[in-house]
Amino acid sequence: MTTTAPELAAGLAERAVHAARVHRAADPHGFGRRHDTPDEWNRWVRRARVARTIAAALQVPVEQVLVTDDPHRTYRTRSGPVPGDLITVTDPPTGRAWRFIPDFTTPGDGWLLLDRCPDCEAEVPVTRIATLADLGEHLDPDGDITVADEARDEALHQPGCAFALPTVN
């Protein structure tokens, strides 16, 4: 006998309403204003593309990916700074939320996994992720841990953190 997960058994209308409610709850301002201007619409569409891309890379349903404004990072644009992307991927079986930010060394194809610093507990970008295997390598106790340079940025850590590298002027 084959069983279907409840979220897959729901029809398109039910899934669409659920998706709208999730987006509205996570980003009421951004979701409500997505049609206000061409710039807002373009940002919404770009974030939808980001969600589809990372969902495919991590082999999760796109409904489990939410891209919102990053409260700590901005992008520089010709018209001024705009909020960065904070990507949250929720693992369906466990409910655990994984957080990522774009990796600008590989625009659109890679991300930086956010995790806690082993010394000061600040949330920092710890490693580069482009595939499910990259995340697996980071999580595997027998894997080779490759720490992203960004993880050592002193500005992201608590004062006196041994993991951070001092800023060189």
N, C-alpha and C. Protein backbone atom coordinates (compact mmCIF):
# COMPACT_ATOMS: atom_id res chain seq x y z
N MET A 1 0.84 -1.17 0.00
CA MET A 1 0.00 0.00 0.00
C MET A 1 0.89 1.24 0.00
N THR A 2 0.57 2.20 -0.81
CA THR A 2 1.32 3.45 -0.90
C THR A 2 0.60 4.53 -0.11
N THR A 3 1.35 5.26 0.68
CA THR A 3 0.76 6.39 1.40
C THR A 3 1.35 7.67 0.86
N THR A 4 0.56 8.70 0.88
CA THR A 4 1.00 10.00 0.40
C THR A 4 1.09 10.94 1.58
N ALA A 5 2.17 11.71 1.65
CA ALA A 5 2.32 12.69 2.71
C ALA A 5 1.14 13.66 2.66
N PRO A 6 0.63 14.10 3.82
CA PRO A 6 -0.55 14.98 3.82
C PRO A 6 -0.37 16.23 2.97
N GLU A 7 0.83 16.83 3.00
CA GLU A 7 1.02 18.05 2.22
C GLU A 7 0.98 17.77 0.72
N LEU A 8 1.26 16.53 0.31
CA LEU A 8 1.20 16.18 -1.10
C LEU A 8 -0.21 15.74 -1.50
N ALA A 9 -1.00 15.30 -0.52
CA ALA A 9 -2.35 14.84 -0.80
C ALA A 9 -3.29 16.03 -1.03
N ALA A 10 -2.95 17.18 -0.47
CA ALA A 10 -3.80 18.36 -0.63
C ALA A 10 -3.79 18.80 -2.09
N GLY A 11 -4.89 19.38 -2.50
CA GLY A 11 -4.98 19.88 -3.86
C GLY A 11 -4.21 21.18 -4.02
N LEU A 12 -4.13 21.64 -5.26
CA LEU A 12 -3.40 22.86 -5.56
C LEU A 12 -3.94 24.04 -4.76
N ALA A 13 -5.24 24.18 -4.66
CA ALA A 13 -5.83 25.31 -3.94
C ALA A 13 -5.40 25.31 -2.47
N GLU A 14 -5.47 24.17 -1.83
CA GLU A 14 -5.08 24.08 -0.41
C GLU A 14 -3.60 24.38 -0.22
N ARG A 15 -2.76 23.86 -1.11
CA ARG A 15 -1.32 24.11 -1.01
C ARG A 15 -1.00 25.57 -1.28
N ALA A 16 -1.72 26.19 -2.23
CA ALA A 16 -1.49 27.60 -2.54
C ALA A 16 -1.87 28.49 -1.36
N VAL A 17 -3.00 28.23 -0.73
CA VAL A 17 -3.42 29.01 0.43
C VAL A 17 -2.42 28.82 1.57
N HIS A 18 -1.96 27.60 1.78
CA HIS A 18 -0.96 27.34 2.83
C HIS A 18 0.33 28.13 2.54
N ALA A 19 0.79 28.11 1.30
CA ALA A 19 2.01 28.83 0.93
C ALA A 19 1.83 30.33 1.16
N ALA A 20 0.69 30.88 0.78
CA ALA A 20 0.44 32.31 0.99
C ALA A 20 0.47 32.64 2.48
N ARG A 21 -0.15 31.80 3.29
CA ARG A 21 -0.17 32.06 4.74
C ARG A 21 1.23 31.99 5.34
N VAL A 22 2.04 31.05 4.88
CA VAL A 22 3.41 30.94 5.38
C VAL A 22 4.20 32.19 5.01
N HIS A 23 4.11 32.62 3.77
CA HIS A 23 4.83 33.82 3.33
C HIS A 23 4.32 35.07 4.06
N ARG A 24 3.02 35.19 4.20
CA ARG A 24 2.44 36.34 4.87
C ARG A 24 2.89 36.39 6.33
N ALA A 25 2.94 35.26 7.00
CA ALA A 25 3.38 35.23 8.40
C ALA A 25 4.86 35.55 8.54
N ALA A 26 5.68 35.06 7.63
CA ALA A 26 7.12 35.26 7.73
C ALA A 26 7.56 36.66 7.32
N ASP A 27 6.86 37.25 6.36
CA ASP A 27 7.27 38.55 5.82
C ASP A 27 6.03 39.34 5.41
N PRO A 28 5.24 39.81 6.39
CA PRO A 28 3.98 40.48 6.04
C PRO A 28 4.18 41.71 5.16
N HIS A 29 5.18 42.50 5.43
CA HIS A 29 5.42 43.70 4.64
C HIS A 29 5.83 43.34 3.21
N GLY A 30 6.83 42.48 3.07
CA GLY A 30 7.32 42.11 1.74
C GLY A 30 6.27 41.39 0.91
N PHE A 31 5.55 40.47 1.54
CA PHE A 31 4.53 39.72 0.81
C PHE A 31 3.38 40.64 0.40
N GLY A 32 2.96 41.50 1.29
CA GLY A 32 1.84 42.39 0.99
C GLY A 32 2.16 43.44 -0.05
N ARG A 33 3.44 43.79 -0.19
CA ARG A 33 3.81 44.86 -1.12
C ARG A 33 4.46 44.35 -2.39
N ARG A 34 4.46 43.05 -2.62
CA ARG A 34 5.19 42.47 -3.75
C ARG A 34 4.69 42.97 -5.11
N HIS A 35 3.45 43.43 -5.19
CA HIS A 35 2.89 43.93 -6.45
C HIS A 35 2.91 45.46 -6.55
N ASP A 36 3.42 46.15 -5.55
CA ASP A 36 3.33 47.61 -5.50
C ASP A 36 4.12 48.32 -6.59
N THR A 37 5.32 47.86 -6.87
CA THR A 37 6.17 48.52 -7.86
C THR A 37 6.88 47.46 -8.69
N PRO A 38 7.39 47.83 -9.83
CA PRO A 38 8.19 46.87 -10.61
C PRO A 38 9.41 46.37 -9.83
N ASP A 39 10.04 47.23 -9.03
CA ASP A 39 11.19 46.80 -8.24
C ASP A 39 10.80 45.76 -7.20
N GLU A 40 9.67 45.97 -6.53
CA GLU A 40 9.20 45.00 -5.53
C GLU A 40 8.87 43.66 -6.20
N TRP A 41 8.21 43.74 -7.36
CA TRP A 41 7.86 42.51 -8.08
C TRP A 41 9.13 41.77 -8.53
N ASN A 42 10.10 42.51 -9.05
CA ASN A 42 11.35 41.88 -9.48
C ASN A 42 12.06 41.21 -8.31
N ARG A 43 12.05 41.85 -7.15
CA ARG A 43 12.68 41.24 -5.96
C ARG A 43 11.94 39.97 -5.57
N TRP A 44 10.62 40.00 -5.60
CA TRP A 44 9.81 38.82 -5.27
C TRP A 44 10.13 37.67 -6.24
N VAL A 45 10.18 37.98 -7.53
CA VAL A 45 10.45 36.95 -8.54
C VAL A 45 11.87 36.39 -8.38
N ARG A 46 12.84 37.27 -8.11
CA ARG A 46 14.22 36.81 -7.91
C ARG A 46 14.29 35.88 -6.70
N ARG A 47 13.59 36.23 -5.64
CA ARG A 47 13.61 35.38 -4.44
C ARG A 47 12.92 34.04 -4.70
N ALA A 48 11.89 34.04 -5.53
CA ALA A 48 11.25 32.78 -5.91
C ALA A 48 12.24 31.90 -6.67
N ARG A 49 13.04 32.52 -7.54
CA ARG A 49 14.06 31.78 -8.29
C ARG A 49 15.12 31.23 -7.33
N VAL A 50 15.53 32.02 -6.36
CA VAL A 50 16.50 31.56 -5.35
C VAL A 50 15.93 30.35 -4.62
N ALA A 51 14.66 30.41 -4.23
CA ALA A 51 14.02 29.30 -3.51
C ALA A 51 14.02 28.03 -4.36
N ARG A 52 13.69 28.17 -5.64
CA ARG A 52 13.67 26.98 -6.52
C ARG A 52 15.07 26.40 -6.69
N THR A 53 16.06 27.27 -6.80
CA THR A 53 17.43 26.81 -7.04
C THR A 53 17.98 26.07 -5.84
N ILE A 54 17.83 26.64 -4.65
CA ILE A 54 18.37 25.97 -3.47
C ILE A 54 17.57 24.72 -3.13
N ALA A 55 16.26 24.74 -3.39
CA ALA A 55 15.45 23.54 -3.16
C ALA A 55 15.94 22.39 -4.03
N ALA A 56 16.24 22.68 -5.28
CA ALA A 56 16.77 21.63 -6.16
C ALA A 56 18.14 21.15 -5.69
N ALA A 57 19.00 22.08 -5.29
CA ALA A 57 20.35 21.70 -4.85
C ALA A 57 20.32 20.84 -3.60
N LEU A 58 19.40 21.14 -2.68
CA LEU A 58 19.34 20.39 -1.42
C LEU A 58 18.30 19.27 -1.45
N GLN A 59 17.65 19.10 -2.58
CA GLN A 59 16.70 18.03 -2.79
C GLN A 59 15.56 18.05 -1.77
N VAL A 60 14.99 19.25 -1.60
CA VAL A 60 13.82 19.43 -0.74
C VAL A 60 12.71 20.06 -1.57
N PRO A 61 11.47 19.90 -1.16
CA PRO A 61 10.38 20.56 -1.89
C PRO A 61 10.52 22.08 -1.78
N VAL A 62 10.24 22.79 -2.85
CA VAL A 62 10.37 24.24 -2.85
C VAL A 62 9.46 24.88 -1.80
N GLU A 63 8.39 24.22 -1.42
CA GLU A 63 7.50 24.74 -0.39
C GLU A 63 8.19 24.81 0.97
N GLN A 64 9.31 24.13 1.11
CA GLN A 64 10.05 24.13 2.37
C GLN A 64 11.10 25.24 2.42
N VAL A 65 11.15 26.07 1.39
CA VAL A 65 12.15 27.14 1.32
C VAL A 65 11.45 28.49 1.39
N LEU A 66 11.97 29.36 2.23
CA LEU A 66 11.42 30.70 2.38
C LEU A 66 12.57 31.69 2.28
N VAL A 67 12.45 32.66 1.40
CA VAL A 67 13.47 33.69 1.23
C VAL A 67 12.88 35.01 1.70
N THR A 68 13.48 35.60 2.73
CA THR A 68 12.99 36.83 3.32
C THR A 68 14.13 37.85 3.42
N ASP A 69 13.80 39.05 3.88
CA ASP A 69 14.82 40.06 4.12
C ASP A 69 15.74 39.60 5.25
N ASP A 70 17.02 39.78 5.04
CA ASP A 70 18.01 39.48 6.06
C ASP A 70 18.13 40.71 6.96
N PRO A 71 17.82 40.58 8.25
CA PRO A 71 17.86 41.75 9.13
C PRO A 71 19.27 42.26 9.41
N HIS A 72 20.30 41.49 9.04
CA HIS A 72 21.68 41.86 9.36
C HIS A 72 22.54 42.21 8.16
N ARG A 73 22.07 41.95 6.94
CA ARG A 73 22.90 42.15 5.76
C ARG A 73 22.12 42.90 4.69
N THR A 74 22.83 43.76 3.96
CA THR A 74 22.22 44.48 2.85
C THR A 74 23.07 44.27 1.61
N TYR A 75 22.45 44.50 0.45
CA TYR A 75 23.14 44.48 -0.83
C TYR A 75 23.32 45.93 -1.28
N ARG A 76 24.45 46.21 -1.87
CA ARG A 76 24.64 47.52 -2.49
C ARG A 76 24.11 47.44 -3.92
N THR A 77 23.28 48.41 -4.28
CA THR A 77 22.76 48.48 -5.64
C THR A 77 22.96 49.91 -6.15
N ARG A 78 22.73 50.08 -7.43
CA ARG A 78 22.86 51.42 -8.03
C ARG A 78 21.93 52.42 -7.36
N SER A 79 20.77 51.96 -6.93
CA SER A 79 19.80 52.87 -6.32
C SER A 79 19.91 52.93 -4.80
N GLY A 80 20.92 52.28 -4.24
CA GLY A 80 21.11 52.31 -2.79
C GLY A 80 21.01 50.92 -2.19
N PRO A 81 21.22 50.82 -0.89
CA PRO A 81 21.20 49.50 -0.26
C PRO A 81 19.79 48.91 -0.20
N VAL A 82 19.71 47.58 -0.39
CA VAL A 82 18.46 46.85 -0.23
C VAL A 82 18.73 45.68 0.71
N PRO A 83 17.70 45.18 1.39
CA PRO A 83 17.93 44.04 2.29
C PRO A 83 18.48 42.83 1.54
N GLY A 84 19.38 42.12 2.19
CA GLY A 84 19.90 40.88 1.63
C GLY A 84 18.87 39.77 1.75
N ASP A 85 19.22 38.61 1.23
CA ASP A 85 18.34 37.45 1.32
C ASP A 85 18.73 36.58 2.51
N LEU A 86 17.75 36.20 3.28
CA LEU A 86 17.91 35.20 4.32
C LEU A 86 17.07 34.01 3.87
N ILE A 87 17.72 32.89 3.63
CA ILE A 87 17.06 31.71 3.08
C ILE A 87 16.89 30.70 4.20
N THR A 88 15.65 30.31 4.45
CA THR A 88 15.37 29.32 5.49
C THR A 88 14.81 28.08 4.81
N VAL A 89 15.47 26.96 5.04
CA VAL A 89 15.04 25.68 4.50
C VAL A 89 14.61 24.82 5.68
N THR A 90 13.34 24.43 5.68
CA THR A 90 12.82 23.61 6.77
C THR A 90 12.81 22.16 6.32
N ASP A 91 13.45 21.32 7.10
CA ASP A 91 13.52 19.89 6.79
C ASP A 91 12.18 19.25 7.14
N PRO A 92 11.44 18.73 6.14
CA PRO A 92 10.11 18.20 6.42
C PRO A 92 10.06 17.12 7.51
N PRO A 93 10.95 16.11 7.49
CA PRO A 93 10.81 15.07 8.52
C PRO A 93 11.12 15.54 9.94
N THR A 94 12.06 16.46 10.11
CA THR A 94 12.48 16.85 11.46
C THR A 94 11.94 18.21 11.90
N GLY A 95 11.56 19.05 10.94
CA GLY A 95 11.12 20.38 11.27
C GLY A 95 12.27 21.35 11.55
N ARG A 96 13.51 20.87 11.45
CA ARG A 96 14.66 21.73 11.71
C ARG A 96 14.79 22.78 10.60
N ALA A 97 15.06 24.00 11.00
CA ALA A 97 15.27 25.08 10.05
C ALA A 97 16.76 25.30 9.83
N TRP A 98 17.17 25.28 8.58
CA TRP A 98 18.54 25.56 8.18
C TRP A 98 18.54 26.94 7.54
N ARG A 99 19.52 27.77 7.88
CA ARG A 99 19.54 29.13 7.36
C ARG A 99 20.79 29.33 6.50
N PHE A 100 20.58 30.05 5.39
CA PHE A 100 21.64 30.30 4.42
C PHE A 100 21.58 31.76 3.98
N ILE A 101 22.70 32.23 3.48
CA ILE A 101 22.77 33.51 2.80
C ILE A 101 23.47 33.26 1.47
N PRO A 102 23.28 34.14 0.49
CA PRO A 102 23.96 33.95 -0.79
C PRO A 102 25.48 34.00 -0.64
N ASP A 103 26.15 33.19 -1.44
CA ASP A 103 27.61 33.21 -1.53
C ASP A 103 27.95 34.01 -2.77
N PHE A 104 28.47 35.20 -2.60
CA PHE A 104 28.71 36.07 -3.74
C PHE A 104 29.92 35.66 -4.56
N THR A 105 30.65 34.63 -4.13
CA THR A 105 31.73 34.12 -4.98
C THR A 105 31.15 33.24 -6.08
N THR A 106 29.91 32.79 -5.91
CA THR A 106 29.22 31.97 -6.92
C THR A 106 27.76 32.43 -7.02
N PRO A 107 27.51 33.63 -7.52
CA PRO A 107 26.16 34.18 -7.52
C PRO A 107 25.11 33.25 -8.12
N GLY A 108 24.10 32.96 -7.32
CA GLY A 108 22.98 32.15 -7.78
C GLY A 108 23.20 30.65 -7.72
N ASP A 109 24.43 30.22 -7.48
CA ASP A 109 24.71 28.78 -7.50
C ASP A 109 25.26 28.24 -6.19
N GLY A 110 25.50 29.10 -5.22
CA GLY A 110 26.07 28.65 -3.96
C GLY A 110 25.60 29.52 -2.82
N TRP A 111 25.68 28.97 -1.62
CA TRP A 111 25.19 29.65 -0.43
C TRP A 111 26.16 29.43 0.71
N LEU A 112 26.04 30.24 1.73
CA LEU A 112 26.80 30.07 2.95
C LEU A 112 25.84 29.60 4.04
N LEU A 113 26.15 28.48 4.65
CA LEU A 113 25.35 27.94 5.74
C LEU A 113 25.62 28.76 6.99
N LEU A 114 24.55 29.23 7.63
CA LEU A 114 24.69 29.94 8.89
C LEU A 114 24.60 28.94 10.03
N ASP A 115 25.52 29.07 10.97
CA ASP A 115 25.52 28.19 12.14
C ASP A 115 26.16 28.95 13.29
N ARG A 116 26.19 28.35 14.43
CA ARG A 116 26.75 28.98 15.62
C ARG A 116 28.26 28.82 15.66
N CYS A 117 28.94 29.91 16.03
CA CYS A 117 30.39 29.87 16.22
C CYS A 117 30.70 28.91 17.36
N PRO A 118 31.71 28.07 17.20
CA PRO A 118 32.03 27.12 18.27
C PRO A 118 32.56 27.79 19.54
N ASP A 119 32.98 29.04 19.46
CA ASP A 119 33.52 29.71 20.65
C ASP A 119 32.52 30.67 21.28
N CYS A 120 31.97 31.63 20.49
CA CYS A 120 31.14 32.68 21.07
C CYS A 120 29.64 32.49 20.84
N GLU A 121 29.26 31.50 20.04
CA GLU A 121 27.85 31.19 19.75
C GLU A 121 27.16 32.20 18.84
N ALA A 122 27.89 33.17 18.27
CA ALA A 122 27.28 34.09 17.31
C ALA A 122 26.93 33.31 16.04
N GLU A 123 25.87 33.74 15.35
CA GLU A 123 25.52 33.10 14.09
C GLU A 123 26.44 33.64 13.00
N VAL A 124 27.19 32.74 12.37
CA VAL A 124 28.15 33.14 11.34
C VAL A 124 28.01 32.22 10.13
N PRO A 125 28.42 32.68 8.96
CA PRO A 125 28.43 31.81 7.78
C PRO A 125 29.61 30.85 7.90
N VAL A 126 29.32 29.56 8.10
CA VAL A 126 30.38 28.62 8.43
C VAL A 126 31.01 27.90 7.25
N THR A 127 30.22 27.59 6.22
CA THR A 127 30.78 26.82 5.11
C THR A 127 29.98 27.08 3.84
N ARG A 128 30.63 26.87 2.71
CA ARG A 128 29.98 27.04 1.40
C ARG A 128 29.20 25.77 1.04
N ILE A 129 28.01 25.99 0.48
CA ILE A 129 27.12 24.89 0.11
C ILE A 129 26.66 25.11 -1.33
N ALA A 130 26.84 24.12 -2.17
CA ALA A 130 26.29 24.17 -3.53
C ALA A 130 25.42 22.94 -3.81
N THR A 131 25.61 21.89 -3.01
CA THR A 131 24.86 20.65 -3.21
C THR A 131 24.53 20.02 -1.86
N LEU A 132 23.68 19.05 -1.89
CA LEU A 132 23.36 18.29 -0.68
C LEU A 132 24.62 17.63 -0.12
N ALA A 133 25.51 17.19 -1.01
CA ALA A 133 26.76 16.56 -0.56
C ALA A 133 27.63 17.52 0.23
N ASP A 134 27.63 18.82 -0.13
CA ASP A 134 28.40 19.79 0.64
C ASP A 134 27.89 19.90 2.07
N LEU A 135 26.57 19.94 2.21
CA LEU A 135 25.99 19.99 3.54
C LEU A 135 26.33 18.70 4.29
N GLY A 136 26.24 17.57 3.60
CA GLY A 136 26.59 16.29 4.22
C GLY A 136 28.03 16.25 4.69
N GLU A 137 28.93 16.77 3.88
CA GLU A 137 30.35 16.79 4.26
C GLU A 137 30.56 17.63 5.51
N HIS A 138 29.83 18.74 5.61
CA HIS A 138 29.94 19.59 6.78
C HIS A 138 29.41 18.88 8.03
N LEU A 139 28.33 18.12 7.87
CA LEU A 139 27.70 17.46 9.02
C LEU A 139 28.34 16.13 9.39
N ASP A 140 29.02 15.49 8.46
CA ASP A 140 29.62 14.17 8.70
C ASP A 140 30.81 14.28 9.65
N PRO A 141 30.76 13.60 10.78
CA PRO A 141 31.89 13.65 11.72
C PRO A 141 33.20 13.18 11.08
N ASP A 142 33.12 12.36 10.05
CA ASP A 142 34.32 11.89 9.36
C ASP A 142 34.68 12.76 8.16
N GLY A 143 33.89 13.79 7.89
CA GLY A 143 34.13 14.64 6.73
C GLY A 143 35.22 15.66 6.99
N ASP A 144 35.69 16.24 5.91
CA ASP A 144 36.67 17.31 6.00
C ASP A 144 35.92 18.63 6.16
N ILE A 145 36.13 19.27 7.27
CA ILE A 145 35.46 20.55 7.53
C ILE A 145 36.24 21.66 6.83
N THR A 146 35.58 22.35 5.93
CA THR A 146 36.18 23.50 5.26
C THR A 146 35.42 24.73 5.73
N VAL A 147 36.08 25.52 6.53
CA VAL A 147 35.45 26.72 7.08
C VAL A 147 35.57 27.86 6.07
N ALA A 148 34.46 28.53 5.83
CA ALA A 148 34.46 29.68 4.92
C ALA A 148 35.26 30.82 5.54
N ASP A 149 35.94 31.57 4.70
CA ASP A 149 36.69 32.73 5.18
C ASP A 149 35.77 33.68 5.95
N GLU A 150 34.55 33.81 5.50
CA GLU A 150 33.59 34.70 6.13
C GLU A 150 33.31 34.33 7.58
N ALA A 151 33.51 33.07 7.94
CA ALA A 151 33.26 32.62 9.30
C ALA A 151 34.22 33.25 10.30
N ARG A 152 35.36 33.69 9.83
CA ARG A 152 36.39 34.26 10.71
C ARG A 152 36.29 35.78 10.84
N ASP A 153 35.32 36.41 10.15
CA ASP A 153 35.17 37.87 10.18
C ASP A 153 34.92 38.33 11.61
N GLU A 154 35.86 39.08 12.14
CA GLU A 154 35.81 39.52 13.54
C GLU A 154 34.53 40.29 13.85
N ALA A 155 34.01 41.03 12.89
CA ALA A 155 32.82 41.85 13.11
C ALA A 155 31.58 41.00 13.41
N LEU A 156 31.60 39.74 13.05
CA LEU A 156 30.44 38.87 13.26
C LEU A 156 30.43 38.18 14.62
N HIS A 157 31.54 38.26 15.33
CA HIS A 157 31.71 37.52 16.58
C HIS A 157 31.61 38.42 17.80
N GLN A 158 31.47 37.78 18.95
CA GLN A 158 31.50 38.50 20.22
C GLN A 158 32.93 38.95 20.51
N PRO A 159 33.10 40.05 21.22
CA PRO A 159 34.46 40.50 21.55
C PRO A 159 35.25 39.40 22.26
N GLY A 160 36.50 39.23 21.84
CA GLY A 160 37.38 38.24 22.45
C GLY A 160 37.21 36.82 21.95
N CYS A 161 36.39 36.61 20.93
CA CYS A 161 36.17 35.27 20.41
C CYS A 161 37.46 34.73 19.80
N ALA A 162 37.85 33.53 20.22
CA ALA A 162 39.09 32.92 19.74
C ALA A 162 38.97 32.43 18.29
N PHE A 163 37.76 32.23 17.79
CA PHE A 163 37.55 31.71 16.44
C PHE A 163 37.72 32.81 15.38
N ALA A 164 37.45 34.05 15.78
CA ALA A 164 37.53 35.19 14.84
C ALA A 164 38.96 35.59 14.61
N LEU A 165 39.21 36.07 13.40
CA LEU A 165 40.54 36.61 13.07
C LEU A 165 40.46 38.13 13.15
N PRO A 166 41.45 38.75 13.76
CA PRO A 166 41.43 40.22 13.84
C PRO A 166 41.44 40.84 12.44
N THR A 167 40.76 41.96 12.32
CA THR A 167 40.71 42.69 11.06
C THR A 167 42.08 43.31 10.78
N VAL A 168 42.55 43.14 9.56
CA VAL A 168 43.83 43.71 9.15
C VAL A 168 43.53 45.00 8.39
N ASN A 169 44.14 46.08 8.80
CA ASN A 169 43.90 47.36 8.12
C ASN A 169 44.91 47.61 7.05
